[in-house]
Amino acid sequence: MRTSAMRMLEVREVMDIRQASHYLGISSDTLYKYASEGFVPAFKLGNRWRFKKSRLDDWMDQQSSASLVQQHPREVAHPRQKKPVRAAGQ
């Protein structure tokens, strides 16, 4: 295996935007936008964005938990009771 391919398989604790976007499976442009907007946990070292793997993992866990609650709100909240139907002519 080539050295550059081996480096891509290695996941570091602190990643640059290219490594982090590969780790998350999104484009570098999208990750840059997310970092700039504060949507994804990131910090700047000089003028370059950096991403801690452990913080990204925690963030992904929180995002997946939040999406589960949004997809199944009736399992968390009480279901609405239906109103009784009035008979015709009453």
C-alpha atoms as a PDB file:
ATOM      1  CA  MET A   1       0.000   0.000   0.000  1.00  0.00           C
ATOM      2  CA  ARG A   2       1.287   3.483  -0.807  1.00  0.00           C
ATOM      3  CA  THR A   3       2.339   5.779   2.006  1.00  0.00           C
ATOM      4  CA  SER A   4      -0.315   8.414   1.204  1.00  0.00           C
ATOM      5  CA  ALA A   5      -3.041   5.748   1.187  1.00  0.00           C
ATOM      6  CA  MET A   6      -1.811   4.463   4.548  1.00  0.00           C
ATOM      7  CA  ARG A   7      -2.000   7.986   5.989  1.00  0.00           C
ATOM      8  CA  MET A   8      -5.634   8.283   4.897  1.00  0.00           C
ATOM      9  CA  LEU A   9      -6.487   5.143   6.870  1.00  0.00           C
ATOM     10  CA  GLU A  10      -4.828   6.554   9.977  1.00  0.00           C
ATOM     11  CA  VAL A  11      -7.249   8.647  12.013  1.00  0.00           C
ATOM     12  CA  ARG A  12      -5.495  11.222  14.153  1.00  0.00           C
ATOM     13  CA  GLU A  13      -6.856  12.870  17.291  1.00  0.00           C
ATOM     14  CA  VAL A  14      -6.419  16.348  15.783  1.00  0.00           C
ATOM     15  CA  MET A  15      -7.312  16.556  12.110  1.00  0.00           C
ATOM     16  CA  ASP A  16      -7.176  19.248   9.461  1.00  0.00           C
ATOM     17  CA  ILE A  17     -10.202  20.028   7.327  1.00  0.00           C
ATOM     18  CA  ARG A  18      -9.323  17.458   4.648  1.00  0.00           C
ATOM     19  CA  GLN A  19      -8.821  14.643   7.165  1.00  0.00           C
ATOM     20  CA  ALA A  20     -11.950  15.540   9.149  1.00  0.00           C
ATOM     21  CA  SER A  21     -14.131  15.804   6.038  1.00  0.00           C
ATOM     22  CA  HIS A  22     -12.917  12.371   4.951  1.00  0.00           C
ATOM     23  CA  TYR A  23     -13.609  11.004   8.450  1.00  0.00           C
ATOM     24  CA  LEU A  24     -17.150  12.450   8.446  1.00  0.00           C
ATOM     25  CA  GLY A  25     -17.829  11.534   4.818  1.00  0.00           C
ATOM     26  CA  ILE A  26     -18.675  15.066   3.686  1.00  0.00           C
ATOM     27  CA  SER A  27     -16.964  17.521   1.366  1.00  0.00           C
ATOM     28  CA  SER A  28     -14.291  19.899   2.628  1.00  0.00           C
ATOM     29  CA  ASP A  29     -16.429  22.848   1.503  1.00  0.00           C
ATOM     30  CA  THR A  30     -19.394  21.644   3.561  1.00  0.00           C
ATOM     31  CA  LEU A  31     -17.223  21.064   6.623  1.00  0.00           C
ATOM     32  CA  TYR A  32     -15.651  24.511   6.255  1.00  0.00           C
ATOM     33  CA  LYS A  33     -19.153  26.035   6.180  1.00  0.00           C
ATOM     34  CA  TYR A  34     -20.238  24.003   9.234  1.00  0.00           C
ATOM     35  CA  ALA A  35     -17.118  25.026  11.171  1.00  0.00           C
ATOM     36  CA  SER A  36     -17.530  28.701  10.237  1.00  0.00           C
ATOM     37  CA  GLU A  37     -21.170  28.642  11.395  1.00  0.00           C
ATOM     38  CA  GLY A  38     -20.316  26.861  14.659  1.00  0.00           C
ATOM     39  CA  PHE A  39     -22.470  23.855  13.719  1.00  0.00           C
ATOM     40  CA  VAL A  40     -19.639  21.344  14.133  1.00  0.00           C
ATOM     41  CA  PRO A  41     -17.060  21.482  16.974  1.00  0.00           C
ATOM     42  CA  ALA A  42     -13.834  22.997  15.654  1.00  0.00           C
ATOM     43  CA  PHE A  43     -11.111  25.417  16.572  1.00  0.00           C
ATOM     44  CA  LYS A  44      -8.647  27.534  14.680  1.00  0.00           C
ATOM     45  CA  LEU A  45      -4.914  27.085  14.973  1.00  0.00           C
ATOM     46  CA  GLY A  46      -3.571  30.189  13.330  1.00  0.00           C
ATOM     47  CA  ASN A  47      -5.860  30.632  10.359  1.00  0.00           C
ATOM     48  CA  ARG A  48      -6.531  26.921   9.821  1.00  0.00           C
ATOM     49  CA  TRP A  49      -9.481  24.916  11.125  1.00  0.00           C
ATOM     50  CA  ARG A  50      -8.686  21.889  13.305  1.00  0.00           C
ATOM     51  CA  PHE A  51     -10.999  19.152  14.555  1.00  0.00           C
ATOM     52  CA  LYS A  52     -10.578  16.819  17.531  1.00  0.00           C
ATOM     53  CA  LYS A  53     -11.749  13.291  16.747  1.00  0.00           C
ATOM     54  CA  SER A  54     -13.152  12.784  20.262  1.00  0.00           C
ATOM     55  CA  ARG A  55     -15.235  15.984  20.021  1.00  0.00           C
ATOM     56  CA  LEU A  56     -16.512  15.000  16.556  1.00  0.00           C
ATOM     57  CA  ASP A  57     -17.475  11.560  17.885  1.00  0.00           C
ATOM     58  CA  ASP A  58     -19.383  13.150  20.800  1.00  0.00           C
ATOM     59  CA  TRP A  59     -21.064  15.598  18.409  1.00  0.00           C
ATOM     60  CA  MET A  60     -22.148  12.769  16.076  1.00  0.00           C
ATOM     61  CA  ASP A  61     -23.594  10.865  19.051  1.00  0.00           C
ATOM     62  CA  GLN A  62     -25.588  13.948  20.082  1.00  0.00           C
ATOM     63  CA  GLN A  63     -26.801  14.527  16.511  1.00  0.00           C
ATOM     64  CA  SER A  64     -27.961  10.931  16.121  1.00  0.00           C
ATOM     65  CA  SER A  65     -29.749  11.021  19.499  1.00  0.00           C
ATOM     66  CA  ALA A  66     -31.483  14.277  18.585  1.00  0.00           C
ATOM     67  CA  SER A  67     -32.619  12.902  15.243  1.00  0.00           C
ATOM     68  CA  LEU A  68     -34.108   9.835  16.930  1.00  0.00           C
ATOM     69  CA  VAL A  69     -36.231  12.045  19.192  1.00  0.00           C
ATOM     70  CA  GLN A  70     -37.360  14.120  16.191  1.00  0.00           C
ATOM     71  CA  GLN A  71     -38.274  11.027  14.169  1.00  0.00           C
ATOM     72  CA  HIS A  72     -40.289   9.421  16.986  1.00  0.00           C
ATOM     73  CA  PRO A  73     -41.780  12.263  19.054  1.00  0.00           C
ATOM     74  CA  ARG A  74     -44.913  10.267  20.004  1.00  0.00           C
ATOM     75  CA  GLU A  75     -42.778   7.722  21.837  1.00  0.00           C
ATOM     76  CA  VAL A  76     -41.566  10.534  24.085  1.00  0.00           C
ATOM     77  CA  ALA A  77     -44.670  12.759  24.249  1.00  0.00           C
ATOM     78  CA  HIS A  78     -48.221  11.712  25.077  1.00  0.00           C
ATOM     79  CA  PRO A  79     -50.333  11.056  21.969  1.00  0.00           C
ATOM     80  CA  ARG A  80     -53.269  13.398  21.316  1.00  0.00           C
ATOM     81  CA  GLN A  81     -56.725  12.140  22.093  1.00  0.00           C
ATOM     82  CA  LYS A  82     -59.183  12.184  19.214  1.00  0.00           C
ATOM     83  CA  LYS A  83     -62.320  14.287  19.516  1.00  0.00           C
ATOM     84  CA  PRO A  84     -65.587  12.360  19.468  1.00  0.00           C
ATOM     85  CA  VAL A  85     -67.437  12.449  16.151  1.00  0.00           C
ATOM     86  CA  ARG A  86     -70.941  13.922  16.330  1.00  0.00           C
ATOM     87  CA  ALA A  87     -73.720  11.972  14.663  1.00  0.00           C
ATOM     88  CA  ALA A  88     -75.296  13.626  11.628  1.00  0.00           C
ATOM     89  CA  GLY A  89     -78.404  15.700  12.379  1.00  0.00           C
ATOM     90  CA  GLN A  90     -77.519  16.506  15.997  1.00  0.00           C
END
